[in-house]
Amino acid sequence: MSIAKHLATVSSLASLKLVQHATSSLASMFRPIVTPKPQAYAILACIFNGATQALQTQSDPTRIQYHQSTIQCEVISILHALETVARQGEFSLEWVLECTAHFGILLWQLDDAQQTSVGK
């Protein structure tokens, strides 16, 4: 299953409330990984932590939308690259899928916050 499909599936499951997730930092959920591109983990952690902070502070709809877009554009690209490297056996594909699942849930949470903030 591709990263984009996995992310969409997890987001759909979260919207059905079949998946429970406590918002916390990426560092507390995942062990750092060693990859040929060591900055990938740092970028993912920064994006994840920024988005969870936006949720925790009940940010305005524009900030929430920014974080949604960042996940949909930047994170998916990074996860695709990591998936390729993982499929070559350089590190755990399970880690990539787990990370994708957490971002999918976070994306659902951001969508829910966006809808709540605009009164839908």
PDB file of N, CA and C in Angstrom:
ATOM      1  N   MET A   1       0.853  -1.164   0.000  1.00  0.00           N
ATOM      2  CA  MET A   1       0.000   0.000   0.000  1.00  0.00           C
ATOM      3  C   MET A   1       0.902   1.232   0.000  1.00  0.00           C
ATOM      4  N   SER A   2       0.599   2.197  -0.843  1.00  0.00           N
ATOM      5  CA  SER A   2       1.432   3.393  -0.908  1.00  0.00           C
ATOM      6  C   SER A   2       1.237   4.249   0.342  1.00  0.00           C
ATOM      7  N   ILE A   3       2.195   5.112   0.591  1.00  0.00           N
ATOM      8  CA  ILE A   3       2.137   5.997   1.749  1.00  0.00           C
ATOM      9  C   ILE A   3       0.882   6.866   1.698  1.00  0.00           C
ATOM     10  N   ALA A   4       0.564   7.437   0.548  1.00  0.00           N
ATOM     11  CA  ALA A   4      -0.612   8.301   0.429  1.00  0.00           C
ATOM     12  C   ALA A   4      -1.886   7.526   0.746  1.00  0.00           C
ATOM     13  N   LYS A   5      -1.987   6.291   0.253  1.00  0.00           N
ATOM     14  CA  LYS A   5      -3.175   5.472   0.535  1.00  0.00           C
ATOM     15  C   LYS A   5      -3.228   5.098   2.005  1.00  0.00           C
ATOM     16  N   HIS A   6      -2.071   4.781   2.584  1.00  0.00           N
ATOM     17  CA  HIS A   6      -2.010   4.435   4.006  1.00  0.00           C
ATOM     18  C   HIS A   6      -2.447   5.633   4.841  1.00  0.00           C
ATOM     19  N   LEU A   7      -1.959   6.814   4.502  1.00  0.00           N
ATOM     20  CA  LEU A   7      -2.330   8.031   5.214  1.00  0.00           C
ATOM     21  C   LEU A   7      -3.831   8.271   5.104  1.00  0.00           C
ATOM     22  N   ALA A   8      -4.401   8.108   3.920  1.00  0.00           N
ATOM     23  CA  ALA A   8      -5.837   8.305   3.717  1.00  0.00           C
ATOM     24  C   ALA A   8      -6.641   7.276   4.499  1.00  0.00           C
ATOM     25  N   THR A   9      -6.182   6.031   4.525  1.00  0.00           N
ATOM     26  CA  THR A   9      -6.883   4.986   5.262  1.00  0.00           C
ATOM     27  C   THR A   9      -6.900   5.285   6.748  1.00  0.00           C
ATOM     28  N   VAL A  10      -5.757   5.654   7.287  1.00  0.00           N
ATOM     29  CA  VAL A  10      -5.668   5.962   8.714  1.00  0.00           C
ATOM     30  C   VAL A  10      -6.539   7.169   9.036  1.00  0.00           C
ATOM     31  N   SER A  11      -6.487   8.181   8.197  1.00  0.00           N
ATOM     32  CA  SER A  11      -7.303   9.368   8.414  1.00  0.00           C
ATOM     33  C   SER A  11      -8.786   9.011   8.390  1.00  0.00           C
ATOM     34  N   SER A  12      -9.188   8.118   7.482  1.00  0.00           N
ATOM     35  CA  SER A  12     -10.581   7.674   7.406  1.00  0.00           C
ATOM     36  C   SER A  12     -10.982   6.903   8.660  1.00  0.00           C
ATOM     37  N   LEU A  13     -10.112   6.016   9.116  1.00  0.00           N
ATOM     38  CA  LEU A  13     -10.402   5.271  10.336  1.00  0.00           C
ATOM     39  C   LEU A  13     -10.525   6.205  11.528  1.00  0.00           C
ATOM     40  N   ALA A  14      -9.669   7.209  11.581  1.00  0.00           N
ATOM     41  CA  ALA A  14      -9.735   8.172  12.674  1.00  0.00           C
ATOM     42  C   ALA A  14     -11.047   8.938  12.625  1.00  0.00           C
ATOM     43  N   SER A  15     -11.497   9.286  11.426  1.00  0.00           N
ATOM     44  CA  SER A  15     -12.741  10.034  11.316  1.00  0.00           C
ATOM     45  C   SER A  15     -13.941   9.195  11.735  1.00  0.00           C
ATOM     46  N   LEU A  16     -13.792   7.878  11.651  1.00  0.00           N
ATOM     47  CA  LEU A  16     -14.849   6.977  12.120  1.00  0.00           C
ATOM     48  C   LEU A  16     -14.701   6.689  13.612  1.00  0.00           C
ATOM     49  N   LYS A  17     -13.705   7.300  14.218  1.00  0.00           N
ATOM     50  CA  LYS A  17     -13.409   7.148  15.633  1.00  0.00           C
ATOM     51  C   LYS A  17     -13.035   5.708  16.006  1.00  0.00           C
ATOM     52  N   LEU A  18     -12.474   4.972  15.043  1.00  0.00           N
ATOM     53  CA  LEU A  18     -12.006   3.617  15.310  1.00  0.00           C
ATOM     54  C   LEU A  18     -10.588   3.622  15.846  1.00  0.00           C
ATOM     55  N   VAL A  19      -9.914   4.738  15.693  1.00  0.00           N
ATOM     56  CA  VAL A  19      -8.535   4.852  16.140  1.00  0.00           C
ATOM     57  C   VAL A  19      -8.470   5.953  17.189  1.00  0.00           C
ATOM     58  N   GLN A  20      -7.916   5.668  18.327  1.00  0.00           N
ATOM     59  CA  GLN A  20      -7.743   6.669  19.373  1.00  0.00           C
ATOM     60  C   GLN A  20      -6.295   7.128  19.367  1.00  0.00           C
ATOM     61  N   HIS A  21      -6.090   8.434  19.633  1.00  0.00           N
ATOM     62  CA  HIS A  21      -4.729   8.967  19.578  1.00  0.00           C
ATOM     63  C   HIS A  21      -4.626  10.139  20.543  1.00  0.00           C
ATOM     64  N   ALA A  22      -3.671  10.077  21.432  1.00  0.00           N
ATOM     65  CA  ALA A  22      -3.400  11.208  22.304  1.00  0.00           C
ATOM     66  C   ALA A  22      -2.320  12.046  21.646  1.00  0.00           C
ATOM     67  N   THR A  23      -2.586  13.331  21.487  1.00  0.00           N
ATOM     68  CA  THR A  23      -1.616  14.211  20.854  1.00  0.00           C
ATOM     69  C   THR A  23      -0.414  14.373  21.771  1.00  0.00           C
ATOM     70  N   SER A  24       0.750  14.084  21.231  1.00  0.00           N
ATOM     71  CA  SER A  24       1.998  14.250  21.972  1.00  0.00           C
ATOM     72  C   SER A  24       3.104  14.460  20.960  1.00  0.00           C
ATOM     73  N   SER A  25       4.311  14.611  21.445  1.00  0.00           N
ATOM     74  CA  SER A  25       5.407  14.890  20.519  1.00  0.00           C
ATOM     75  C   SER A  25       5.811  13.633  19.757  1.00  0.00           C
ATOM     76  N   LEU A  26       6.289  13.846  18.556  1.00  0.00           N
ATOM     77  CA  LEU A  26       6.759  12.746  17.721  1.00  0.00           C
ATOM     78  C   LEU A  26       7.890  12.004  18.419  1.00  0.00           C
ATOM     79  N   ALA A  27       8.734  12.735  19.104  1.00  0.00           N
ATOM     80  CA  ALA A  27       9.878  12.114  19.774  1.00  0.00           C
ATOM     81  C   ALA A  27       9.437  11.106  20.828  1.00  0.00           C
ATOM     82  N   SER A  28       8.292  11.344  21.467  1.00  0.00           N
ATOM     83  CA  SER A  28       7.841  10.399  22.482  1.00  0.00           C
ATOM     84  C   SER A  28       7.193   9.170  21.867  1.00  0.00           C
ATOM     85  N   MET A  29       6.784   9.250  20.587  1.00  0.00           N
ATOM     86  CA  MET A  29       6.144   8.115  19.933  1.00  0.00           C
ATOM     87  C   MET A  29       7.116   7.253  19.142  1.00  0.00           C
ATOM     88  N   PHE A  30       8.148   7.857  18.606  1.00  0.00           N
ATOM     89  CA  PHE A  30       9.056   7.143  17.719  1.00  0.00           C
ATOM     90  C   PHE A  30      10.481   7.267  18.192  1.00  0.00           C
ATOM     91  N   ARG A  31      11.201   6.183  18.021  1.00  0.00           N
ATOM     92  CA  ARG A  31      12.633   6.267  18.275  1.00  0.00           C
ATOM     93  C   ARG A  31      13.277   6.943  17.053  1.00  0.00           C
ATOM     94  N   PRO A  32      14.305   7.727  17.258  1.00  0.00           N
ATOM     95  CA  PRO A  32      14.986   8.308  16.093  1.00  0.00           C
ATOM     96  C   PRO A  32      15.526   7.197  15.195  1.00  0.00           C
ATOM     97  N   ILE A  33      15.585   7.462  13.919  1.00  0.00           N
ATOM     98  CA  ILE A  33      16.054   6.455  12.982  1.00  0.00           C
ATOM     99  C   ILE A  33      17.350   6.909  12.335  1.00  0.00           C
ATOM    100  N   VAL A  34      18.103   5.944  11.881  1.00  0.00           N
ATOM    101  CA  VAL A  34      19.323   6.240  11.137  1.00  0.00           C
ATOM    102  C   VAL A  34      18.997   5.998   9.669  1.00  0.00           C
ATOM    103  N   THR A  35      19.122   7.042   8.859  1.00  0.00           N
ATOM    104  CA  THR A  35      18.827   6.929   7.435  1.00  0.00           C
ATOM    105  C   THR A  35      19.944   7.578   6.645  1.00  0.00           C
ATOM    106  N   PRO A  36      19.978   7.325   5.351  1.00  0.00           N
ATOM    107  CA  PRO A  36      20.944   8.030   4.508  1.00  0.00           C
ATOM    108  C   PRO A  36      20.667   9.540   4.491  1.00  0.00           C
ATOM    109  N   LYS A  37      19.481   9.945   4.898  1.00  0.00           N
ATOM    110  CA  LYS A  37      19.117  11.363   4.986  1.00  0.00           C
ATOM    111  C   LYS A  37      18.725  11.650   6.435  1.00  0.00           C
ATOM    112  N   PRO A  38      19.697  11.874   7.304  1.00  0.00           N
ATOM    113  CA  PRO A  38      19.399  12.003   8.739  1.00  0.00           C
ATOM    114  C   PRO A  38      18.492  13.168   9.092  1.00  0.00           C
ATOM    115  N   GLN A  39      18.366  14.147   8.216  1.00  0.00           N
ATOM    116  CA  GLN A  39      17.513  15.280   8.517  1.00  0.00           C
ATOM    117  C   GLN A  39      16.022  14.939   8.392  1.00  0.00           C
ATOM    118  N   ALA A  40      15.679  13.816   7.784  1.00  0.00           N
ATOM    119  CA  ALA A  40      14.270  13.440   7.583  1.00  0.00           C
ATOM    120  C   ALA A  40      13.523  13.352   8.911  1.00  0.00           C
ATOM    121  N   TYR A  41      14.104  12.677   9.895  1.00  0.00           N
ATOM    122  CA  TYR A  41      13.447  12.550  11.200  1.00  0.00           C
ATOM    123  C   TYR A  41      13.246  13.925  11.833  1.00  0.00           C
ATOM    124  N   ALA A  42      14.251  14.766  11.769  1.00  0.00           N
ATOM    125  CA  ALA A  42      14.157  16.094  12.374  1.00  0.00           C
ATOM    126  C   ALA A  42      13.049  16.924  11.714  1.00  0.00           C
ATOM    127  N   ILE A  43      12.941  16.832  10.404  1.00  0.00           N
ATOM    128  CA  ILE A  43      11.902  17.578   9.687  1.00  0.00           C
ATOM    129  C   ILE A  43      10.525  17.056  10.068  1.00  0.00           C
ATOM    130  N   LEU A  44      10.363  15.736  10.075  1.00  0.00           N
ATOM    131  CA  LEU A  44       9.073  15.150  10.457  1.00  0.00           C
ATOM    132  C   LEU A  44       8.699  15.536  11.887  1.00  0.00           C
ATOM    133  N   ALA A  45       9.659  15.463  12.790  1.00  0.00           N
ATOM    134  CA  ALA A  45       9.389  15.815  14.185  1.00  0.00           C
ATOM    135  C   ALA A  45       8.979  17.286  14.314  1.00  0.00           C
ATOM    136  N   CYS A  46       9.656  18.149  13.590  1.00  0.00           N
ATOM    137  CA  CYS A  46       9.339  19.581  13.637  1.00  0.00           C
ATOM    138  C   CYS A  46       7.916  19.839  13.130  1.00  0.00           C
ATOM    139  N   ILE A  47       7.568  19.216  12.021  1.00  0.00           N
ATOM    140  CA  ILE A  47       6.226  19.390  11.453  1.00  0.00           C
ATOM    141  C   ILE A  47       5.178  18.820  12.401  1.00  0.00           C
ATOM    142  N   PHE A  48       5.420  17.626  12.919  1.00  0.00           N
ATOM    143  CA  PHE A  48       4.471  16.984  13.826  1.00  0.00           C
ATOM    144  C   PHE A  48       4.279  17.821  15.093  1.00  0.00           C
ATOM    145  N   ASN A  49       5.385  18.245  15.681  1.00  0.00           N
ATOM    146  CA  ASN A  49       5.300  19.015  16.920  1.00  0.00           C
ATOM    147  C   ASN A  49       4.621  20.363  16.705  1.00  0.00           C
ATOM    148  N   GLY A  50       4.889  21.017  15.573  1.00  0.00           N
ATOM    149  CA  GLY A  50       4.227  22.287  15.272  1.00  0.00           C
ATOM    150  C   GLY A  50       2.730  22.119  15.113  1.00  0.00           C
ATOM    151  N   ALA A  51       2.320  21.056  14.452  1.00  0.00           N
ATOM    152  CA  ALA A  51       0.892  20.801  14.241  1.00  0.00           C
ATOM    153  C   ALA A  51       0.198  20.438  15.549  1.00  0.00           C
ATOM    154  N   THR A  52       0.844  19.622  16.381  1.00  0.00           N
ATOM    155  CA  THR A  52       0.215  19.267  17.656  1.00  0.00           C
ATOM    156  C   THR A  52       0.123  20.481  18.570  1.00  0.00           C
ATOM    157  N   GLN A  53       1.114  21.357  18.498  1.00  0.00           N
ATOM    158  CA  GLN A  53       1.050  22.589  19.291  1.00  0.00           C
ATOM    159  C   GLN A  53      -0.123  23.455  18.822  1.00  0.00           C
ATOM    160  N   ALA A  54      -0.341  23.523  17.522  1.00  0.00           N
ATOM    161  CA  ALA A  54      -1.467  24.288  16.986  1.00  0.00           C
ATOM    162  C   ALA A  54      -2.786  23.717  17.509  1.00  0.00           C
ATOM    163  N   LEU A  55      -2.879  22.403  17.603  1.00  0.00           N
ATOM    164  CA  LEU A  55      -4.093  21.782  18.150  1.00  0.00           C
ATOM    165  C   LEU A  55      -4.258  22.089  19.629  1.00  0.00           C
ATOM    166  N   GLN A  56      -3.182  21.987  20.368  1.00  0.00           N
ATOM    167  CA  GLN A  56      -3.243  22.195  21.808  1.00  0.00           C
ATOM    168  C   GLN A  56      -3.582  23.631  22.179  1.00  0.00           C
ATOM    169  N   THR A  57      -3.178  24.578  21.346  1.00  0.00           N
ATOM    170  CA  THR A  57      -3.448  25.989  21.632  1.00  0.00           C
ATOM    171  C   THR A  57      -4.705  26.489  20.943  1.00  0.00           C
ATOM    172  N   GLN A  58      -5.442  25.574  20.318  1.00  0.00           N
ATOM    173  CA  GLN A  58      -6.680  25.912  19.618  1.00  0.00           C
ATOM    174  C   GLN A  58      -6.469  27.095  18.679  1.00  0.00           C
ATOM    175  N   SER A  59      -5.532  26.909  17.786  1.00  0.00           N
ATOM    176  CA  SER A  59      -5.132  27.963  16.860  1.00  0.00           C
ATOM    177  C   SER A  59      -6.254  28.353  15.907  1.00  0.00           C
ATOM    178  N   ASP A  60      -6.056  29.488  15.246  1.00  0.00           N
ATOM    179  CA  ASP A  60      -7.034  29.984  14.287  1.00  0.00           C
ATOM    180  C   ASP A  60      -7.067  29.081  13.048  1.00  0.00           C
ATOM    181  N   PRO A  61      -8.151  29.150  12.271  1.00  0.00           N
ATOM    182  CA  PRO A  61      -8.310  28.274  11.104  1.00  0.00           C
ATOM    183  C   PRO A  61      -7.179  28.387  10.082  1.00  0.00           C
ATOM    184  N   THR A  62      -6.599  29.566   9.923  1.00  0.00           N
ATOM    185  CA  THR A  62      -5.514  29.739   8.953  1.00  0.00           C
ATOM    186  C   THR A  62      -4.288  28.929   9.358  1.00  0.00           C
ATOM    187  N   ARG A  63      -3.959  28.941  10.627  1.00  0.00           N
ATOM    188  CA  ARG A  63      -2.802  28.178  11.117  1.00  0.00           C
ATOM    189  C   ARG A  63      -3.066  26.677  11.002  1.00  0.00           C
ATOM    190  N   ILE A  64      -4.272  26.271  11.324  1.00  0.00           N
ATOM    191  CA  ILE A  64      -4.636  24.860  11.190  1.00  0.00           C
ATOM    192  C   ILE A  64      -4.507  24.422   9.728  1.00  0.00           C
ATOM    193  N   GLN A  65      -5.010  25.237   8.825  1.00  0.00           N
ATOM    194  CA  GLN A  65      -4.943  24.928   7.392  1.00  0.00           C
ATOM    195  C   GLN A  65      -3.490  24.843   6.923  1.00  0.00           C
ATOM    196  N   TYR A  66      -2.644  25.727   7.437  1.00  0.00           N
ATOM    197  CA  TYR A  66      -1.216  25.682   7.096  1.00  0.00           C
ATOM    198  C   TYR A  66      -0.625  24.312   7.455  1.00  0.00           C
ATOM    199  N   HIS A  67      -0.930  23.834   8.655  1.00  0.00           N
ATOM    200  CA  HIS A  67      -0.379  22.552   9.096  1.00  0.00           C
ATOM    201  C   HIS A  67      -0.956  21.387   8.284  1.00  0.00           C
ATOM    202  N   GLN A  68      -2.225  21.467   7.923  1.00  0.00           N
ATOM    203  CA  GLN A  68      -2.810  20.444   7.054  1.00  0.00           C
ATOM    204  C   GLN A  68      -2.063  20.395   5.719  1.00  0.00           C
ATOM    205  N   SER A  69      -1.850  21.536   5.129  1.00  0.00           N
ATOM    206  CA  SER A  69      -1.154  21.605   3.837  1.00  0.00           C
ATOM    207  C   SER A  69       0.268  21.087   3.935  1.00  0.00           C
ATOM    208  N   THR A  70       0.947  21.428   5.017  1.00  0.00           N
ATOM    209  CA  THR A  70       2.318  20.965   5.216  1.00  0.00           C
ATOM    210  C   THR A  70       2.374  19.441   5.273  1.00  0.00           C
ATOM    211  N   ILE A  71       1.440  18.839   5.993  1.00  0.00           N
ATOM    212  CA  ILE A  71       1.410  17.380   6.070  1.00  0.00           C
ATOM    213  C   ILE A  71       1.108  16.791   4.699  1.00  0.00           C
ATOM    214  N   GLN A  72       0.123  17.339   4.014  1.00  0.00           N
ATOM    215  CA  GLN A  72      -0.280  16.795   2.717  1.00  0.00           C
ATOM    216  C   GLN A  72       0.806  16.951   1.654  1.00  0.00           C
ATOM    217  N   CYS A  73       1.588  17.977   1.735  1.00  0.00           N
ATOM    218  CA  CYS A  73       2.623  18.205   0.713  1.00  0.00           C
ATOM    219  C   CYS A  73       3.991  17.678   1.145  1.00  0.00           C
ATOM    220  N   GLU A  74       4.533  18.248   2.192  1.00  0.00           N
ATOM    221  CA  GLU A  74       5.899  17.926   2.597  1.00  0.00           C
ATOM    222  C   GLU A  74       6.043  16.545   3.231  1.00  0.00           C
ATOM    223  N   VAL A  75       5.158  16.228   4.157  1.00  0.00           N
ATOM    224  CA  VAL A  75       5.302  14.963   4.890  1.00  0.00           C
ATOM    225  C   VAL A  75       5.128  13.771   3.961  1.00  0.00           C
ATOM    226  N   ILE A  76       4.136  13.821   3.093  1.00  0.00           N
ATOM    227  CA  ILE A  76       3.930  12.698   2.181  1.00  0.00           C
ATOM    228  C   ILE A  76       5.154  12.493   1.302  1.00  0.00           C
ATOM    229  N   SER A  77       5.757  13.566   0.824  1.00  0.00           N
ATOM    230  CA  SER A  77       6.967  13.445   0.003  1.00  0.00           C
ATOM    231  C   SER A  77       8.113  12.810   0.786  1.00  0.00           C
ATOM    232  N   ILE A  78       8.297  13.245   2.011  1.00  0.00           N
ATOM    233  CA  ILE A  78       9.366  12.690   2.844  1.00  0.00           C
ATOM    234  C   ILE A  78       9.102  11.210   3.131  1.00  0.00           C
ATOM    235  N   LEU A  79       7.856  10.890   3.465  1.00  0.00           N
ATOM    236  CA  LEU A  79       7.525   9.497   3.763  1.00  0.00           C
ATOM    237  C   LEU A  79       7.673   8.599   2.540  1.00  0.00           C
ATOM    238  N   HIS A  80       7.351   9.113   1.353  1.00  0.00           N
ATOM    239  CA  HIS A  80       7.575   8.343   0.125  1.00  0.00           C
ATOM    240  C   HIS A  80       9.067   8.040  -0.041  1.00  0.00           C
ATOM    241  N   ALA A  81       9.898   9.032   0.176  1.00  0.00           N
ATOM    242  CA  ALA A  81      11.344   8.826   0.045  1.00  0.00           C
ATOM    243  C   ALA A  81      11.844   7.820   1.078  1.00  0.00           C
ATOM    244  N   LEU A  82      11.360   7.941   2.311  1.00  0.00           N
ATOM    245  CA  LEU A  82      11.763   6.997   3.349  1.00  0.00           C
ATOM    246  C   LEU A  82      11.249   5.592   3.055  1.00  0.00           C
ATOM    247  N   GLU A  83      10.051   5.499   2.479  1.00  0.00           N
ATOM    248  CA  GLU A  83       9.509   4.193   2.110  1.00  0.00           C
ATOM    249  C   GLU A  83      10.420   3.511   1.082  1.00  0.00           C
ATOM    250  N   THR A  84      10.872   4.267   0.112  1.00  0.00           N
ATOM    251  CA  THR A  84      11.760   3.719  -0.918  1.00  0.00           C
ATOM    252  C   THR A  84      13.045   3.190  -0.291  1.00  0.00           C
ATOM    253  N   VAL A  85      13.625   3.976   0.594  1.00  0.00           N
ATOM    254  CA  VAL A  85      14.863   3.565   1.265  1.00  0.00           C
ATOM    255  C   VAL A  85      14.598   2.342   2.148  1.00  0.00           C
ATOM    256  N   ALA A  86      13.473   2.340   2.845  1.00  0.00           N
ATOM    257  CA  ALA A  86      13.148   1.209   3.724  1.00  0.00           C
ATOM    258  C   ALA A  86      12.926  -0.076   2.922  1.00  0.00           C
ATOM    259  N   ARG A  87      12.300   0.053   1.763  1.00  0.00           N
ATOM    260  CA  ARG A  87      12.070  -1.138   0.925  1.00  0.00           C
ATOM    261  C   ARG A  87      13.384  -1.706   0.375  1.00  0.00           C
ATOM    262  N   GLN A  88      14.431  -0.895   0.381  1.00  0.00           N
ATOM    263  CA  GLN A  88      15.753  -1.370  -0.027  1.00  0.00           C
ATOM    264  C   GLN A  88      16.491  -2.014   1.141  1.00  0.00           C
ATOM    265  N   GLY A  89      15.828  -2.052   2.302  1.00  0.00           N
ATOM    266  CA  GLY A  89      16.377  -2.737   3.464  1.00  0.00           C
ATOM    267  C   GLY A  89      17.291  -1.907   4.332  1.00  0.00           C
ATOM    268  N   GLU A  90      17.303  -0.588   4.138  1.00  0.00           N
ATOM    269  CA  GLU A  90      18.235   0.230   4.907  1.00  0.00           C
ATOM    270  C   GLU A  90      17.724   0.573   6.307  1.00  0.00           C
ATOM    271  N   PHE A  91      16.416   0.481   6.540  1.00  0.00           N
ATOM    272  CA  PHE A  91      15.844   0.592   7.870  1.00  0.00           C
ATOM    273  C   PHE A  91      14.416   0.083   7.823  1.00  0.00           C
ATOM    274  N   SER A  92      13.721   0.168   8.924  1.00  0.00           N
ATOM    275  CA  SER A  92      12.426  -0.473   9.097  1.00  0.00           C
ATOM    276  C   SER A  92      11.283   0.187   8.319  1.00  0.00           C
ATOM    277  N   LEU A  93      10.642  -0.589   7.461  1.00  0.00           N
ATOM    278  CA  LEU A  93       9.432  -0.124   6.784  1.00  0.00           C
ATOM    279  C   LEU A  93       8.312   0.044   7.809  1.00  0.00           C
ATOM    280  N   GLU A  94       8.319  -0.783   8.840  1.00  0.00           N
ATOM    281  CA  GLU A  94       7.322  -0.678   9.903  1.00  0.00           C
ATOM    282  C   GLU A  94       7.345   0.721  10.530  1.00  0.00           C
ATOM    283  N   TRP A  95       8.541   1.281  10.718  1.00  0.00           N
ATOM    284  CA  TRP A  95       8.658   2.622  11.285  1.00  0.00           C
ATOM    285  C   TRP A  95       7.979   3.638  10.372  1.00  0.00           C
ATOM    286  N   VAL A  96       8.188   3.516   9.075  1.00  0.00           N
ATOM    287  CA  VAL A  96       7.589   4.451   8.113  1.00  0.00           C
ATOM    288  C   VAL A  96       6.067   4.348   8.167  1.00  0.00           C
ATOM    289  N   LEU A  97       5.550   3.137   8.223  1.00  0.00           N
ATOM    290  CA  LEU A  97       4.102   2.947   8.274  1.00  0.00           C
ATOM    291  C   LEU A  97       3.517   3.454   9.586  1.00  0.00           C
ATOM    292  N   GLU A  98       4.228   3.247  10.671  1.00  0.00           N
ATOM    293  CA  GLU A  98       3.779   3.749  11.973  1.00  0.00           C
ATOM    294  C   GLU A  98       3.760   5.279  11.965  1.00  0.00           C
ATOM    295  N   CYS A  99       4.788   5.857  11.424  1.00  0.00           N
ATOM    296  CA  CYS A  99       4.871   7.315  11.315  1.00  0.00           C
ATOM    297  C   CYS A  99       3.724   7.836  10.439  1.00  0.00           C
ATOM    298  N   THR A 100       3.471   7.156   9.336  1.00  0.00           N
ATOM    299  CA  THR A 100       2.387   7.528   8.438  1.00  0.00           C
ATOM    300  C   THR A 100       1.046   7.467   9.170  1.00  0.00           C
ATOM    301  N   ALA A 101       0.865   6.438   9.975  1.00  0.00           N
ATOM    302  CA  ALA A 101      -0.387   6.306  10.736  1.00  0.00           C
ATOM    303  C   ALA A 101      -0.571   7.481  11.687  1.00  0.00           C
ATOM    304  N   HIS A 102       0.489   7.863  12.388  1.00  0.00           N
ATOM    305  CA  HIS A 102       0.378   8.978  13.328  1.00  0.00           C
ATOM    306  C   HIS A 102       0.084  10.290  12.598  1.00  0.00           C
ATOM    307  N   PHE A 103       0.701  10.482  11.449  1.00  0.00           N
ATOM    308  CA  PHE A 103       0.413  11.693  10.672  1.00  0.00           C
ATOM    309  C   PHE A 103      -1.015  11.657  10.123  1.00  0.00           C
ATOM    310  N   GLY A 104      -1.502  10.470   9.763  1.00  0.00           N
ATOM    311  CA  GLY A 104      -2.885  10.359   9.299  1.00  0.00           C
ATOM    312  C   GLY A 104      -3.872  10.754  10.375  1.00  0.00           C
ATOM    313  N   ILE A 105      -3.627  10.303  11.583  1.00  0.00           N
ATOM    314  CA  ILE A 105      -4.492  10.662  12.706  1.00  0.00           C
ATOM    315  C   ILE A 105      -4.391  12.151  12.996  1.00  0.00           C
ATOM    316  N   LEU A 106      -3.180  12.671  12.963  1.00  0.00           N
ATOM    317  CA  LEU A 106      -2.985  14.102  13.183  1.00  0.00           C
ATOM    318  C   LEU A 106      -3.706  14.920  12.117  1.00  0.00           C
ATOM    319  N   LEU A 107      -3.652  14.462  10.881  1.00  0.00           N
ATOM    320  CA  LEU A 107      -4.349  15.152   9.800  1.00  0.00           C
ATOM    321  C   LEU A 107      -5.854  15.167  10.054  1.00  0.00           C
ATOM    322  N   TRP A 108      -6.393  14.053  10.518  1.00  0.00           N
ATOM    323  CA  TRP A 108      -7.816  14.011  10.862  1.00  0.00           C
ATOM    324  C   TRP A 108      -8.118  14.990  12.000  1.00  0.00           C
ATOM    325  N   GLN A 109      -7.262  15.017  13.023  1.00  0.00           N
ATOM    326  CA  GLN A 109      -7.470  15.924  14.146  1.00  0.00           C
ATOM    327  C   GLN A 109      -7.448  17.381  13.685  1.00  0.00           C
ATOM    328  N   LEU A 110      -6.542  17.704  12.780  1.00  0.00           N
ATOM    329  CA  LEU A 110      -6.490  19.065  12.244  1.00  0.00           C
ATOM    330  C   LEU A 110      -7.757  19.391  11.457  1.00  0.00           C
ATOM    331  N   ASP A 111      -8.229  18.430  10.671  1.00  0.00           N
ATOM    332  CA  ASP A 111      -9.463  18.634   9.914  1.00  0.00           C
ATOM    333  C   ASP A 111     -10.636  18.853  10.857  1.00  0.00           C
ATOM    334  N   ASP A 112     -10.701  18.052  11.899  1.00  0.00           N
ATOM    335  CA  ASP A 112     -11.767  18.195  12.886  1.00  0.00           C
ATOM    336  C   ASP A 112     -11.701  19.568  13.566  1.00  0.00           C
ATOM    337  N   ALA A 113     -10.500  20.009  13.925  1.00  0.00           N
ATOM    338  CA  ALA A 113     -10.326  21.329  14.547  1.00  0.00           C
ATOM    339  C   ALA A 113     -10.701  22.436  13.579  1.00  0.00           C
ATOM    340  N   GLN A 114     -10.352  22.263  12.316  1.00  0.00           N
ATOM    341  CA  GLN A 114     -10.692  23.264  11.280  1.00  0.00           C
ATOM    342  C   GLN A 114     -12.205  23.387  11.171  1.00  0.00           C
ATOM    343  N   GLN A 115     -12.895  22.274  11.090  1.00  0.00           N
ATOM    344  CA  GLN A 115     -14.350  22.303  10.960  1.00  0.00           C
ATOM    345  C   GLN A 115     -15.013  22.891  12.210  1.00  0.00           C
ATOM    346  N   THR A 116     -14.488  22.555  13.368  1.00  0.00           N
ATOM    347  CA  THR A 116     -15.022  23.077  14.618  1.00  0.00           C
ATOM    348  C   THR A 116     -14.835  24.590  14.698  1.00  0.00           C
ATOM    349  N   SER A 117     -13.673  25.063  14.276  1.00  0.00           N
ATOM    350  CA  SER A 117     -13.365  26.493  14.398  1.00  0.00           C
ATOM    351  C   SER A 117     -14.194  27.354  13.459  1.00  0.00           C
ATOM    352  N   VAL A 118     -14.646  26.792  12.338  1.00  0.00           N
ATOM    353  CA  VAL A 118     -15.472  27.569  11.412  1.00  0.00           C
ATOM    354  C   VAL A 118     -16.955  27.257  11.601  1.00  0.00           C
ATOM    355  N   GLY A 119     -17.262  26.451  12.641  1.00  0.00           N
ATOM    356  CA  GLY A 119     -18.642  26.196  13.005  1.00  0.00           C
ATOM    357  C   GLY A 119     -19.415  25.284  12.082  1.00  0.00           C
ATOM    358  N   LYS A 120     -18.735  24.325  11.448  1.00  0.00           N
ATOM    359  CA  LYS A 120     -19.441  23.391  10.571  1.00  0.00           C
ATOM    360  C   LYS A 120     -19.995  22.242  11.335  1.00  0.00           C
TER     361      LYS A 120
END
